[in-house]
Amino acid sequence: MPTYEEEINTVEVPQGTGIPGLLKTISSVLELPRVQNISIEKTTVSYSRFRKQEEPAQNVEIEFDSIMPWQIVRSRPMTEINIVSINAAVVVGQLFSLASMDGYNPVAFVASPSTKLWAWYTGTTTLVTNREELHGLPVYFDQHVPEEALVLCVAYGRRAAMVDVVRSYKVSIPQQKSKSHE
């Protein structure tokens, strides 16, 4: 009769992948033999399983590239918009208007983790906003997005997920004048 050892592993789910990233991780874990427990905490999935002593210890290897926000954006048509206003709230409104005129529904924003968005938004509107959402939409961060870019992702349905995105609109965040230049 084989002898079993308990193996405990943790997988980090990239934040920008959202629910599809969690589901892909859980699905990969469930493909392993003899999984006993799965625990989810925000962006980590921990699991335990029993493995035969002769089996090598292994953690699941998951390819997240196909569901990372910037990869989704890059694989769909993108329209670059020349902004007319310096006010960030007006520019976001223009993006929403363009999406609506084209028959799409806004899904999410995508930006760089080191984005200049928040300085621009606060500097031109004097409003402080939650860094997890903007105008009611989630903001996903991906290291491959240029820091001066803000991308609005759109889809056909109102409650679509990032994987359902069919097009995006990109604006370049204008350079902010520092206080010493005024």
N, C-alpha and C. Protein backbone atom coordinates (compact mmCIF):
# COMPACT_ATOMS: atom_id res chain seq x y z
N MET A 1 0.85 -1.18 0.00
CA MET A 1 0.00 0.00 0.00
C MET A 1 0.89 1.24 0.00
N PRO A 2 0.64 2.19 -0.94
CA PRO A 2 1.51 3.37 -1.04
C PRO A 2 1.38 4.27 0.21
N THR A 3 2.47 4.97 0.50
CA THR A 3 2.49 5.94 1.58
C THR A 3 2.32 7.33 0.99
N TYR A 4 1.49 8.15 1.64
CA TYR A 4 1.22 9.48 1.14
C TYR A 4 1.77 10.54 2.08
N GLU A 5 2.18 11.67 1.49
CA GLU A 5 2.64 12.83 2.26
C GLU A 5 1.74 14.01 1.89
N GLU A 6 1.49 14.86 2.87
CA GLU A 6 0.70 16.06 2.58
C GLU A 6 1.61 17.14 2.00
N GLU A 7 1.14 17.75 0.95
CA GLU A 7 1.87 18.83 0.28
C GLU A 7 0.99 20.08 0.34
N ILE A 8 1.56 21.19 0.81
CA ILE A 8 0.81 22.45 0.90
C ILE A 8 1.51 23.48 0.02
N ASN A 9 0.75 24.12 -0.86
CA ASN A 9 1.31 25.11 -1.79
C ASN A 9 0.42 26.34 -1.85
N THR A 10 1.02 27.43 -2.30
CA THR A 10 0.30 28.68 -2.50
C THR A 10 0.63 29.22 -3.88
N VAL A 11 -0.39 29.74 -4.56
CA VAL A 11 -0.22 30.33 -5.88
C VAL A 11 -0.65 31.80 -5.79
N GLU A 12 0.22 32.69 -6.26
CA GLU A 12 -0.11 34.12 -6.33
C GLU A 12 -0.86 34.37 -7.64
N VAL A 13 -2.03 34.97 -7.53
CA VAL A 13 -2.82 35.31 -8.71
C VAL A 13 -2.57 36.78 -9.02
N PRO A 14 -2.07 37.12 -10.21
CA PRO A 14 -1.84 38.53 -10.53
C PRO A 14 -3.11 39.35 -10.36
N GLN A 15 -2.99 40.51 -9.70
CA GLN A 15 -4.17 41.31 -9.37
C GLN A 15 -5.00 41.70 -10.58
N GLY A 16 -4.37 42.02 -11.67
CA GLY A 16 -5.11 42.47 -12.83
C GLY A 16 -5.96 41.42 -13.52
N THR A 17 -5.82 40.16 -13.12
CA THR A 17 -6.56 39.10 -13.79
C THR A 17 -7.97 38.92 -13.24
N GLY A 18 -8.25 39.46 -12.05
CA GLY A 18 -9.60 39.43 -11.49
C GLY A 18 -10.15 38.03 -11.30
N ILE A 19 -11.46 37.91 -11.44
CA ILE A 19 -12.16 36.64 -11.25
C ILE A 19 -11.67 35.57 -12.23
N PRO A 20 -11.46 35.91 -13.52
CA PRO A 20 -10.94 34.87 -14.43
C PRO A 20 -9.60 34.28 -13.96
N GLY A 21 -8.75 35.11 -13.35
CA GLY A 21 -7.47 34.61 -12.84
C GLY A 21 -7.67 33.64 -11.69
N LEU A 22 -8.59 33.97 -10.79
CA LEU A 22 -8.89 33.07 -9.67
C LEU A 22 -9.48 31.75 -10.19
N LEU A 23 -10.41 31.85 -11.12
CA LEU A 23 -11.04 30.65 -11.65
C LEU A 23 -10.03 29.76 -12.39
N LYS A 24 -9.14 30.38 -13.14
CA LYS A 24 -8.12 29.61 -13.85
C LYS A 24 -7.20 28.90 -12.86
N THR A 25 -6.86 29.58 -11.77
CA THR A 25 -6.01 28.99 -10.74
C THR A 25 -6.70 27.81 -10.07
N ILE A 26 -7.94 28.02 -9.65
CA ILE A 26 -8.69 26.95 -8.99
C ILE A 26 -8.86 25.76 -9.92
N SER A 27 -9.16 26.02 -11.18
CA SER A 27 -9.31 24.94 -12.16
C SER A 27 -8.02 24.14 -12.30
N SER A 28 -6.88 24.84 -12.34
CA SER A 28 -5.58 24.15 -12.46
C SER A 28 -5.28 23.32 -11.23
N VAL A 29 -5.63 23.84 -10.05
CA VAL A 29 -5.40 23.09 -8.81
C VAL A 29 -6.27 21.84 -8.80
N LEU A 30 -7.52 21.97 -9.23
CA LEU A 30 -8.43 20.83 -9.20
C LEU A 30 -8.04 19.72 -10.18
N GLU A 31 -7.19 20.04 -11.15
CA GLU A 31 -6.69 19.02 -12.07
C GLU A 31 -5.64 18.12 -11.43
N LEU A 32 -5.07 18.58 -10.32
CA LEU A 32 -4.07 17.77 -9.61
C LEU A 32 -4.77 16.61 -8.90
N PRO A 33 -4.08 15.50 -8.75
CA PRO A 33 -4.70 14.37 -8.03
C PRO A 33 -4.71 14.60 -6.51
N ARG A 34 -5.71 14.08 -5.85
CA ARG A 34 -5.83 14.02 -4.40
C ARG A 34 -5.79 15.38 -3.69
N VAL A 35 -6.42 16.40 -4.28
CA VAL A 35 -6.52 17.72 -3.63
C VAL A 35 -7.52 17.59 -2.48
N GLN A 36 -7.13 18.08 -1.30
CA GLN A 36 -7.95 17.95 -0.11
C GLN A 36 -8.61 19.26 0.31
N ASN A 37 -7.93 20.39 0.05
CA ASN A 37 -8.42 21.67 0.54
C ASN A 37 -7.95 22.78 -0.38
N ILE A 38 -8.83 23.76 -0.60
CA ILE A 38 -8.47 24.96 -1.35
C ILE A 38 -8.93 26.15 -0.53
N SER A 39 -8.05 27.13 -0.37
CA SER A 39 -8.35 28.33 0.40
C SER A 39 -8.02 29.55 -0.45
N ILE A 40 -8.94 30.52 -0.49
CA ILE A 40 -8.75 31.72 -1.31
C ILE A 40 -8.68 32.94 -0.39
N GLU A 41 -7.63 33.73 -0.57
CA GLU A 41 -7.49 35.00 0.15
C GLU A 41 -7.07 36.07 -0.85
N LYS A 42 -7.98 36.93 -1.21
CA LYS A 42 -7.79 38.05 -2.13
C LYS A 42 -7.01 37.65 -3.39
N THR A 43 -5.68 37.65 -3.36
CA THR A 43 -4.91 37.34 -4.58
C THR A 43 -4.04 36.09 -4.42
N THR A 44 -4.34 35.25 -3.45
CA THR A 44 -3.60 33.99 -3.30
C THR A 44 -4.57 32.82 -3.17
N VAL A 45 -4.16 31.72 -3.74
CA VAL A 45 -4.91 30.47 -3.62
C VAL A 45 -3.96 29.46 -2.99
N SER A 46 -4.33 28.96 -1.81
CA SER A 46 -3.54 27.94 -1.13
C SER A 46 -4.29 26.62 -1.24
N TYR A 47 -3.54 25.54 -1.32
CA TYR A 47 -4.19 24.24 -1.40
C TYR A 47 -3.31 23.18 -0.76
N SER A 48 -3.96 22.12 -0.35
CA SER A 48 -3.21 20.97 0.16
C SER A 48 -3.67 19.74 -0.61
N ARG A 49 -2.74 18.83 -0.77
CA ARG A 49 -3.05 17.59 -1.45
C ARG A 49 -2.12 16.50 -0.91
N PHE A 50 -2.53 15.28 -1.11
CA PHE A 50 -1.70 14.15 -0.73
C PHE A 50 -1.01 13.65 -1.98
N ARG A 51 0.28 13.38 -1.84
CA ARG A 51 1.02 12.81 -2.96
C ARG A 51 1.76 11.58 -2.48
N LYS A 52 1.95 10.67 -3.40
CA LYS A 52 2.72 9.47 -3.08
C LYS A 52 4.17 9.88 -2.83
N GLN A 53 4.85 9.16 -1.98
CA GLN A 53 6.24 9.51 -1.65
C GLN A 53 7.14 9.51 -2.88
N GLU A 54 6.84 8.63 -3.82
CA GLU A 54 7.69 8.57 -5.02
C GLU A 54 7.38 9.67 -6.04
N GLU A 55 6.26 10.38 -5.87
CA GLU A 55 5.92 11.49 -6.76
C GLU A 55 6.72 12.73 -6.38
N PRO A 56 7.20 13.49 -7.36
CA PRO A 56 7.93 14.72 -7.02
C PRO A 56 6.96 15.79 -6.49
N ALA A 57 7.44 16.60 -5.57
CA ALA A 57 6.64 17.73 -5.08
C ALA A 57 6.51 18.73 -6.22
N GLN A 58 5.32 19.27 -6.39
CA GLN A 58 5.13 20.23 -7.49
C GLN A 58 4.02 21.21 -7.14
N ASN A 59 4.22 22.42 -7.62
CA ASN A 59 3.18 23.44 -7.52
C ASN A 59 2.61 23.60 -8.92
N VAL A 60 1.36 24.00 -9.04
CA VAL A 60 0.79 24.18 -10.36
C VAL A 60 1.48 25.34 -11.07
N GLU A 61 1.65 25.20 -12.36
CA GLU A 61 2.20 26.28 -13.17
C GLU A 61 1.08 26.78 -14.06
N ILE A 62 0.78 28.07 -13.90
CA ILE A 62 -0.35 28.65 -14.62
C ILE A 62 0.15 29.78 -15.49
N GLU A 63 -0.27 29.79 -16.72
CA GLU A 63 0.07 30.85 -17.66
C GLU A 63 -1.05 31.89 -17.63
N PHE A 64 -0.77 33.05 -17.03
CA PHE A 64 -1.77 34.10 -16.88
C PHE A 64 -1.75 35.11 -18.02
N ASP A 65 -0.77 35.03 -18.92
CA ASP A 65 -0.63 36.06 -19.96
C ASP A 65 -1.90 36.32 -20.74
N SER A 66 -2.63 35.29 -21.08
CA SER A 66 -3.82 35.47 -21.93
C SER A 66 -4.94 36.23 -21.23
N ILE A 67 -4.90 36.33 -19.89
CA ILE A 67 -5.96 37.06 -19.19
C ILE A 67 -5.44 38.29 -18.46
N MET A 68 -4.18 38.66 -18.70
CA MET A 68 -3.66 39.91 -18.12
C MET A 68 -4.29 41.08 -18.88
N PRO A 69 -4.62 42.16 -18.18
CA PRO A 69 -5.34 43.27 -18.82
C PRO A 69 -4.67 43.81 -20.10
N TRP A 70 -3.36 44.04 -20.08
CA TRP A 70 -2.72 44.64 -21.25
C TRP A 70 -2.72 43.67 -22.43
N GLN A 71 -2.60 42.38 -22.16
CA GLN A 71 -2.65 41.39 -23.24
C GLN A 71 -4.03 41.38 -23.90
N ILE A 72 -5.07 41.50 -23.08
CA ILE A 72 -6.44 41.57 -23.61
C ILE A 72 -6.60 42.82 -24.46
N VAL A 73 -6.12 43.96 -23.94
CA VAL A 73 -6.23 45.23 -24.66
C VAL A 73 -5.48 45.15 -25.99
N ARG A 74 -4.26 44.63 -25.96
CA ARG A 74 -3.43 44.57 -27.17
C ARG A 74 -4.00 43.66 -28.24
N SER A 75 -4.79 42.68 -27.84
CA SER A 75 -5.33 41.73 -28.81
C SER A 75 -6.67 42.18 -29.40
N ARG A 76 -7.13 43.36 -29.04
CA ARG A 76 -8.39 43.92 -29.55
C ARG A 76 -8.10 45.25 -30.25
N PRO A 77 -9.01 45.71 -31.11
CA PRO A 77 -8.79 47.02 -31.73
C PRO A 77 -8.73 48.13 -30.67
N MET A 78 -7.82 49.09 -30.89
CA MET A 78 -7.66 50.21 -29.97
C MET A 78 -7.72 51.52 -30.74
N THR A 79 -8.46 52.47 -30.21
CA THR A 79 -8.54 53.80 -30.79
C THR A 79 -7.81 54.76 -29.86
N GLU A 80 -6.82 55.46 -30.39
CA GLU A 80 -6.12 56.46 -29.58
C GLU A 80 -6.82 57.79 -29.76
N ILE A 81 -7.12 58.43 -28.65
CA ILE A 81 -7.90 59.66 -28.64
C ILE A 81 -7.00 60.84 -28.29
N ASN A 82 -7.11 61.90 -29.08
CA ASN A 82 -6.44 63.16 -28.74
C ASN A 82 -7.37 63.93 -27.83
N ILE A 83 -6.89 64.21 -26.63
CA ILE A 83 -7.76 64.87 -25.67
C ILE A 83 -7.85 66.37 -25.97
N VAL A 84 -9.04 66.90 -25.76
CA VAL A 84 -9.31 68.30 -26.02
C VAL A 84 -9.21 69.10 -24.72
N SER A 85 -9.62 68.49 -23.63
CA SER A 85 -9.62 69.15 -22.33
C SER A 85 -8.45 68.66 -21.50
N ILE A 86 -7.97 69.51 -20.62
CA ILE A 86 -6.93 69.10 -19.69
C ILE A 86 -7.55 68.49 -18.43
N ASN A 87 -8.84 68.72 -18.21
CA ASN A 87 -9.53 68.23 -17.03
C ASN A 87 -9.78 66.72 -17.16
N ALA A 88 -9.27 65.96 -16.20
CA ALA A 88 -9.35 64.50 -16.26
C ALA A 88 -10.78 63.99 -16.27
N ALA A 89 -11.66 64.60 -15.48
CA ALA A 89 -13.05 64.15 -15.43
C ALA A 89 -13.75 64.38 -16.77
N VAL A 90 -13.43 65.48 -17.43
CA VAL A 90 -14.01 65.76 -18.75
C VAL A 90 -13.50 64.73 -19.76
N VAL A 91 -12.23 64.40 -19.69
CA VAL A 91 -11.65 63.40 -20.62
C VAL A 91 -12.31 62.04 -20.41
N VAL A 92 -12.51 61.64 -19.16
CA VAL A 92 -13.18 60.36 -18.88
C VAL A 92 -14.60 60.40 -19.44
N GLY A 93 -15.29 61.53 -19.28
CA GLY A 93 -16.63 61.69 -19.85
C GLY A 93 -16.60 61.57 -21.37
N GLN A 94 -15.57 62.12 -22.01
CA GLN A 94 -15.44 62.00 -23.46
C GLN A 94 -15.23 60.54 -23.87
N LEU A 95 -14.45 59.81 -23.10
CA LEU A 95 -14.25 58.39 -23.40
C LEU A 95 -15.57 57.63 -23.30
N PHE A 96 -16.34 57.89 -22.24
CA PHE A 96 -17.65 57.24 -22.09
C PHE A 96 -18.56 57.59 -23.26
N SER A 97 -18.54 58.85 -23.67
CA SER A 97 -19.39 59.30 -24.77
C SER A 97 -19.01 58.61 -26.08
N LEU A 98 -17.72 58.51 -26.36
CA LEU A 98 -17.26 57.83 -27.58
C LEU A 98 -17.69 56.36 -27.58
N ALA A 99 -17.53 55.70 -26.45
CA ALA A 99 -17.92 54.30 -26.35
C ALA A 99 -19.42 54.15 -26.61
N SER A 100 -20.21 55.03 -26.04
CA SER A 100 -21.66 54.98 -26.21
C SER A 100 -22.06 55.23 -27.67
N MET A 101 -21.43 56.23 -28.30
CA MET A 101 -21.74 56.53 -29.70
C MET A 101 -21.38 55.36 -30.62
N ASP A 102 -20.36 54.58 -30.23
CA ASP A 102 -19.96 53.42 -31.03
C ASP A 102 -20.76 52.16 -30.68
N GLY A 103 -21.68 52.26 -29.70
CA GLY A 103 -22.54 51.14 -29.34
C GLY A 103 -21.96 50.19 -28.32
N TYR A 104 -20.98 50.65 -27.55
CA TYR A 104 -20.33 49.79 -26.55
C TYR A 104 -20.65 50.26 -25.13
N ASN A 105 -20.38 49.37 -24.19
CA ASN A 105 -20.55 49.67 -22.77
C ASN A 105 -19.19 49.62 -22.08
N PRO A 106 -18.87 50.61 -21.27
CA PRO A 106 -17.60 50.60 -20.54
C PRO A 106 -17.52 49.42 -19.58
N VAL A 107 -16.35 48.79 -19.50
CA VAL A 107 -16.13 47.63 -18.63
C VAL A 107 -15.15 47.97 -17.52
N ALA A 108 -14.01 48.55 -17.89
CA ALA A 108 -12.95 48.82 -16.91
C ALA A 108 -11.92 49.76 -17.52
N PHE A 109 -11.10 50.31 -16.65
CA PHE A 109 -9.93 51.07 -17.07
C PHE A 109 -8.71 50.21 -16.83
N VAL A 110 -7.68 50.41 -17.66
CA VAL A 110 -6.41 49.73 -17.47
C VAL A 110 -5.33 50.80 -17.45
N ALA A 111 -4.43 50.69 -16.47
CA ALA A 111 -3.35 51.67 -16.32
C ALA A 111 -2.11 50.96 -15.78
N SER A 112 -1.03 51.70 -15.76
CA SER A 112 0.23 51.19 -15.20
C SER A 112 0.18 51.26 -13.68
N PRO A 113 0.88 50.36 -12.99
CA PRO A 113 0.95 50.49 -11.53
C PRO A 113 1.58 51.81 -11.10
N SER A 114 2.43 52.39 -11.95
CA SER A 114 3.05 53.68 -11.64
C SER A 114 2.39 54.80 -12.47
N THR A 115 1.11 54.67 -12.70
CA THR A 115 0.38 55.62 -13.54
C THR A 115 0.43 57.06 -13.03
N LYS A 116 0.35 57.98 -13.95
CA LYS A 116 0.26 59.40 -13.62
C LYS A 116 -1.20 59.83 -13.50
N LEU A 117 -2.11 58.88 -13.63
CA LEU A 117 -3.54 59.15 -13.61
C LEU A 117 -3.99 59.89 -12.36
N TRP A 118 -3.60 59.40 -11.19
CA TRP A 118 -4.12 59.97 -9.95
C TRP A 118 -3.64 61.40 -9.73
N ALA A 119 -2.38 61.68 -10.07
CA ALA A 119 -1.88 63.06 -9.95
C ALA A 119 -2.63 63.97 -10.92
N TRP A 120 -2.87 63.49 -12.13
CA TRP A 120 -3.61 64.26 -13.13
C TRP A 120 -5.05 64.48 -12.68
N TYR A 121 -5.70 63.43 -12.22
CA TYR A 121 -7.10 63.53 -11.82
C TYR A 121 -7.27 64.49 -10.64
N THR A 122 -6.47 64.29 -9.61
CA THR A 122 -6.56 65.16 -8.43
C THR A 122 -6.14 66.58 -8.77
N GLY A 123 -5.12 66.74 -9.60
CA GLY A 123 -4.62 68.07 -9.95
C GLY A 123 -5.58 68.89 -10.80
N THR A 124 -6.40 68.22 -11.62
CA THR A 124 -7.30 68.97 -12.51
C THR A 124 -8.74 69.02 -12.01
N THR A 125 -9.08 68.18 -11.06
CA THR A 125 -10.47 68.18 -10.57
C THR A 125 -10.55 68.57 -9.10
N THR A 126 -9.44 68.55 -8.40
CA THR A 126 -9.34 68.74 -6.94
C THR A 126 -10.14 67.70 -6.16
N LEU A 127 -10.50 66.59 -6.81
CA LEU A 127 -11.20 65.50 -6.14
C LEU A 127 -10.22 64.37 -5.87
N VAL A 128 -10.36 63.74 -4.73
CA VAL A 128 -9.56 62.56 -4.41
C VAL A 128 -10.44 61.36 -4.70
N THR A 129 -9.90 60.39 -5.41
CA THR A 129 -10.70 59.22 -5.79
C THR A 129 -10.06 57.94 -5.26
N ASN A 130 -10.89 56.94 -5.09
CA ASN A 130 -10.46 55.61 -4.70
C ASN A 130 -9.58 55.05 -5.82
N ARG A 131 -8.44 54.50 -5.49
CA ARG A 131 -7.51 54.03 -6.52
C ARG A 131 -7.86 52.67 -7.09
N GLU A 132 -8.96 52.09 -6.66
CA GLU A 132 -9.39 50.81 -7.21
C GLU A 132 -10.47 50.97 -8.27
N GLU A 133 -11.06 52.17 -8.32
CA GLU A 133 -12.07 52.41 -9.35
C GLU A 133 -12.07 53.88 -9.74
N LEU A 134 -12.62 54.14 -10.91
CA LEU A 134 -12.72 55.49 -11.45
C LEU A 134 -14.07 55.62 -12.13
N HIS A 135 -14.85 56.56 -11.69
CA HIS A 135 -16.20 56.79 -12.23
C HIS A 135 -17.04 55.50 -12.24
N GLY A 136 -16.91 54.73 -11.17
CA GLY A 136 -17.72 53.52 -11.02
C GLY A 136 -17.19 52.27 -11.71
N LEU A 137 -16.08 52.38 -12.41
CA LEU A 137 -15.50 51.22 -13.10
C LEU A 137 -14.21 50.80 -12.39
N PRO A 138 -13.93 49.49 -12.39
CA PRO A 138 -12.66 49.05 -11.78
C PRO A 138 -11.47 49.53 -12.61
N VAL A 139 -10.37 49.78 -11.92
CA VAL A 139 -9.12 50.11 -12.59
C VAL A 139 -8.18 48.92 -12.38
N TYR A 140 -7.78 48.29 -13.50
CA TYR A 140 -6.84 47.18 -13.43
C TYR A 140 -5.46 47.69 -13.78
N PHE A 141 -4.48 47.17 -13.09
CA PHE A 141 -3.11 47.61 -13.31
C PHE A 141 -2.30 46.50 -13.94
N ASP A 142 -1.47 46.88 -14.89
CA ASP A 142 -0.60 45.93 -15.57
C ASP A 142 0.72 46.63 -15.83
N GLN A 143 1.81 45.97 -15.48
CA GLN A 143 3.14 46.58 -15.61
C GLN A 143 3.53 46.90 -17.05
N HIS A 144 2.85 46.33 -18.02
CA HIS A 144 3.20 46.55 -19.42
C HIS A 144 2.53 47.80 -20.02
N VAL A 145 1.63 48.42 -19.28
CA VAL A 145 0.96 49.63 -19.76
C VAL A 145 1.89 50.82 -19.53
N PRO A 146 2.05 51.68 -20.54
CA PRO A 146 2.86 52.88 -20.32
C PRO A 146 2.27 53.74 -19.20
N GLU A 147 3.12 54.36 -18.38
CA GLU A 147 2.62 55.10 -17.22
C GLU A 147 1.84 56.36 -17.58
N GLU A 148 1.99 56.83 -18.80
CA GLU A 148 1.23 58.02 -19.21
C GLU A 148 -0.05 57.66 -19.96
N ALA A 149 -0.42 56.39 -19.98
CA ALA A 149 -1.61 55.94 -20.71
C ALA A 149 -2.76 55.60 -19.77
N LEU A 150 -3.97 55.93 -20.22
CA LEU A 150 -5.19 55.48 -19.56
C LEU A 150 -6.03 54.83 -20.66
N VAL A 151 -6.47 53.60 -20.41
CA VAL A 151 -7.20 52.85 -21.42
C VAL A 151 -8.58 52.49 -20.88
N LEU A 152 -9.61 52.83 -21.65
CA LEU A 152 -10.97 52.42 -21.33
C LEU A 152 -11.30 51.20 -22.17
N CYS A 153 -11.67 50.11 -21.51
CA CYS A 153 -12.02 48.87 -22.19
C CYS A 153 -13.54 48.78 -22.29
N VAL A 154 -14.04 48.36 -23.45
CA VAL A 154 -15.48 48.32 -23.68
C VAL A 154 -15.90 46.97 -24.24
N ALA A 155 -17.19 46.67 -24.06
CA ALA A 155 -17.75 45.41 -24.55
C ALA A 155 -19.19 45.66 -24.98
N TYR A 156 -19.84 44.62 -25.47
CA TYR A 156 -21.23 44.75 -25.90
C TYR A 156 -22.20 44.78 -24.73
N GLY A 157 -21.94 44.00 -23.69
CA GLY A 157 -22.86 43.91 -22.56
C GLY A 157 -22.49 44.84 -21.43
N ARG A 158 -23.48 45.22 -20.62
CA ARG A 158 -23.25 46.12 -19.50
C ARG A 158 -22.45 45.49 -18.37
N ARG A 159 -22.61 44.23 -18.15
CA ARG A 159 -21.93 43.57 -17.03
C ARG A 159 -20.83 42.62 -17.53
N ALA A 160 -20.18 43.00 -18.59
CA ALA A 160 -19.15 42.15 -19.18
C ALA A 160 -17.88 42.15 -18.32
N ALA A 161 -17.10 41.11 -18.47
CA ALA A 161 -15.81 40.99 -17.78
C ALA A 161 -14.69 41.40 -18.74
N MET A 162 -13.48 41.51 -18.21
CA MET A 162 -12.34 41.90 -19.05
C MET A 162 -12.15 40.94 -20.23
N VAL A 163 -12.41 39.68 -20.04
CA VAL A 163 -12.22 38.73 -21.13
C VAL A 163 -13.23 38.93 -22.25
N ASP A 164 -14.30 39.71 -21.98
CA ASP A 164 -15.32 39.98 -22.99
C ASP A 164 -15.06 41.28 -23.76
N VAL A 165 -13.99 41.97 -23.43
CA VAL A 165 -13.67 43.26 -24.07
C VAL A 165 -13.50 43.08 -25.58
N VAL A 166 -14.10 44.00 -26.35
CA VAL A 166 -14.01 43.92 -27.81
C VAL A 166 -13.23 45.08 -28.42
N ARG A 167 -13.02 46.14 -27.66
CA ARG A 167 -12.33 47.33 -28.17
C ARG A 167 -11.85 48.14 -26.97
N SER A 168 -10.91 49.04 -27.23
CA SER A 168 -10.48 49.95 -26.16
C SER A 168 -10.19 51.33 -26.74
N TYR A 169 -10.23 52.30 -25.85
CA TYR A 169 -9.93 53.69 -26.19
C TYR A 169 -8.80 54.14 -25.28
N LYS A 170 -7.76 54.71 -25.88
CA LYS A 170 -6.58 55.09 -25.11
C LYS A 170 -6.35 56.58 -25.20
N VAL A 171 -6.06 57.18 -24.05
CA VAL A 171 -5.64 58.58 -24.01
C VAL A 171 -4.27 58.65 -23.35
N SER A 172 -3.51 59.66 -23.75
CA SER A 172 -2.22 59.91 -23.11
C SER A 172 -2.44 61.01 -22.06
N ILE A 173 -2.03 60.71 -20.87
CA ILE A 173 -2.19 61.66 -19.76
C ILE A 173 -1.22 62.82 -19.99
N PRO A 174 -1.74 64.05 -19.98
CA PRO A 174 -0.86 65.19 -20.23
C PRO A 174 0.15 65.38 -19.10
N GLN A 175 1.30 65.95 -19.46
CA GLN A 175 2.32 66.26 -18.46
C GLN A 175 1.77 67.30 -17.50
N GLN A 176 1.99 67.07 -16.23
CA GLN A 176 1.55 68.02 -15.22
C GLN A 176 2.68 69.00 -14.92
N LYS A 177 2.32 70.27 -14.83
CA LYS A 177 3.32 71.28 -14.47
C LYS A 177 3.61 71.15 -12.98
N SER A 178 4.89 71.20 -12.64
CA SER A 178 5.20 71.18 -11.22
C SER A 178 5.02 72.57 -10.64
N LYS A 179 4.86 72.65 -9.35
CA LYS A 179 4.59 73.93 -8.67
C LYS A 179 5.71 74.93 -8.92
N SER A 180 6.94 74.46 -9.11
CA SER A 180 8.08 75.38 -9.30
C SER A 180 8.04 76.07 -10.66
N HIS A 181 7.28 75.54 -11.62
CA HIS A 181 7.21 76.14 -12.96
C HIS A 181 6.11 77.17 -13.07
N GLU A 182 5.27 77.30 -12.07
CA GLU A 182 4.13 78.22 -12.18
C GLU A 182 4.52 79.61 -11.77
